[in-house]
């Protein structure tokens, strides 16, 4: 019954910006953790950034200083602001949530393509 829906992906030129959103819906008591992961063709899925219930964040070294994760607790939504995008950022970006009492859930993914 719980679903994660990502939005905001698309095509952007190098140096551009995008903001991804992930909204959790359904019967949710609380969210322990939400994060963004990405998977490029031929590569494994990797962590991009995550945010814990207490507000602590983590991110991959490859995106440090360029990407920022944030949340809107009232809407059970997490955002990923992506600036200074590079072609190597091209991937399908997935939202993940660890829900209290329910465990983990993955979103369907949203495509981000950085190209001229």
Protein backbone atom coordinates (compact mmCIF):
# COMPACT_ATOMS: atom_id res chain seq x y z
CA UNK A 1 0.00 0.00 0.00
CA UNK A 2 2.98 2.29 0.43
CA UNK A 3 4.33 3.79 -2.75
CA UNK A 4 7.24 6.05 -3.61
CA UNK A 5 6.83 8.25 -6.65
CA UNK A 6 9.79 10.09 -8.14
CA UNK A 7 9.57 13.09 -10.42
CA UNK A 8 11.75 15.83 -11.82
CA UNK A 9 14.07 13.90 -14.08
CA UNK A 10 14.80 14.89 -17.63
CA UNK A 11 17.40 16.07 -20.09
CA UNK A 12 19.78 18.83 -19.08
CA UNK A 13 23.00 20.22 -20.49
CA UNK A 14 26.29 19.93 -18.63
CA UNK A 15 26.49 22.56 -15.91
CA UNK A 16 22.74 22.70 -15.57
CA UNK A 17 20.51 21.87 -12.63
CA UNK A 18 17.60 19.61 -11.80
CA UNK A 19 15.57 18.97 -8.70
CA UNK A 20 14.21 15.51 -8.06
CA UNK A 21 11.29 14.82 -5.78
CA UNK A 22 10.16 11.62 -4.10
CA UNK A 23 6.83 11.48 -2.35
CA UNK A 24 5.80 8.59 -0.14
CA UNK A 25 2.11 7.81 0.10
CA UNK A 26 -0.01 5.27 1.89
CA UNK A 27 -0.22 4.22 5.50
CA UNK A 28 3.00 5.56 6.96
CA UNK A 29 3.72 6.03 10.63
CA UNK A 30 7.17 7.48 10.20
CA UNK A 31 10.19 7.29 7.95
CA UNK A 32 13.53 6.33 9.40
CA UNK A 33 15.57 7.11 6.32
CA UNK A 34 15.15 8.26 2.74
CA UNK A 35 17.80 8.29 0.11
CA UNK A 36 18.60 8.70 -3.54
CA UNK A 37 20.46 6.06 -5.50
CA UNK A 38 21.41 5.89 -9.13
CA UNK A 39 22.27 3.25 -11.67
CA UNK A 40 23.95 3.93 -14.98
CA UNK A 41 23.96 1.40 -17.83
CA UNK A 42 26.43 -1.39 -17.13
CA UNK A 43 27.03 -0.24 -13.57
CA UNK A 44 25.76 -1.20 -10.16
CA UNK A 45 23.34 0.89 -8.17
CA UNK A 46 25.10 3.34 -5.91
CA UNK A 47 24.21 5.72 -3.13
CA UNK A 48 23.93 9.36 -4.13
CA UNK A 49 22.66 10.92 -0.90
CA UNK A 50 20.59 9.98 2.10
CA UNK A 51 18.92 11.66 5.02
CA UNK A 52 18.06 10.11 8.37
CA UNK A 53 15.17 10.87 10.68
CA UNK A 54 17.36 12.96 12.94
CA UNK A 55 18.45 15.15 10.04
CA UNK A 56 21.89 13.69 9.47
CA UNK A 57 22.81 13.38 5.82
CA UNK A 58 25.30 11.40 3.82
CA UNK A 59 26.38 11.62 0.22
CA UNK A 60 28.75 10.15 -2.29
CA UNK A 61 32.09 11.82 -2.79
CA UNK A 62 31.39 12.22 -6.49
CA UNK A 63 28.47 14.55 -5.81
CA UNK A 64 29.71 16.36 -2.73
CA UNK A 65 29.37 20.10 -3.14
CA UNK A 66 27.03 19.73 -6.10
CA UNK A 67 24.02 17.79 -4.82
CA UNK A 68 21.94 18.54 -1.74
CA UNK A 69 19.33 16.30 -0.18
CA UNK A 70 16.48 17.73 1.85
CA UNK A 71 13.10 16.67 3.16
CA UNK A 72 9.61 17.90 3.87
CA UNK A 73 8.43 15.79 6.77
CA UNK A 74 4.86 17.03 6.57
CA UNK A 75 4.56 15.72 3.03
CA UNK A 76 6.78 12.65 3.43
CA UNK A 77 8.82 13.97 0.57
CA UNK A 78 12.53 14.03 -0.09
CA UNK A 79 14.28 16.22 -2.64
CA UNK A 80 17.57 16.08 -4.43
CA UNK A 81 18.85 19.40 -5.74
CA UNK A 82 21.44 18.68 -8.41
CA UNK A 83 23.69 21.48 -9.59
CA UNK A 84 26.69 21.60 -11.90
CA UNK A 85 25.57 18.41 -13.56
CA UNK A 86 28.08 16.36 -15.49
CA UNK A 87 27.60 13.75 -18.22
CA UNK A 88 28.74 11.09 -15.75
CA UNK A 89 25.70 11.90 -13.62
CA UNK A 90 23.52 10.35 -16.30
CA UNK A 91 21.60 7.47 -14.75
CA UNK A 92 18.26 6.29 -13.54
CA UNK A 93 17.74 7.80 -10.11
CA UNK A 94 15.82 5.77 -7.56
CA UNK A 95 14.25 6.85 -4.31
CA UNK A 96 14.47 4.50 -1.32
CA UNK A 97 12.73 4.73 2.02
CA UNK A 98 13.06 2.75 5.22
CA UNK A 99 9.63 2.95 6.78
CA UNK A 100 9.03 2.32 10.45
CA UNK A 101 7.34 -1.04 10.90
CA UNK A 102 7.26 -1.73 7.17
CA UNK A 103 10.85 -1.95 5.99
CA UNK A 104 12.32 -0.75 2.74
CA UNK A 105 10.60 0.42 -0.40
CA UNK A 106 11.95 1.51 -3.77
CA UNK A 107 10.49 3.99 -6.20
CA UNK A 108 10.15 3.30 -9.90
CA UNK A 109 13.07 5.49 -10.89
CA UNK A 110 13.39 8.64 -12.94
CA UNK A 111 15.81 9.16 -15.81
CA UNK A 112 18.38 11.92 -15.62
CA UNK A 113 20.35 12.56 -18.78
CA UNK A 114 23.14 15.12 -18.90
CA UNK A 115 24.15 15.75 -22.48
CA UNK A 116 24.77 18.48 -25.00
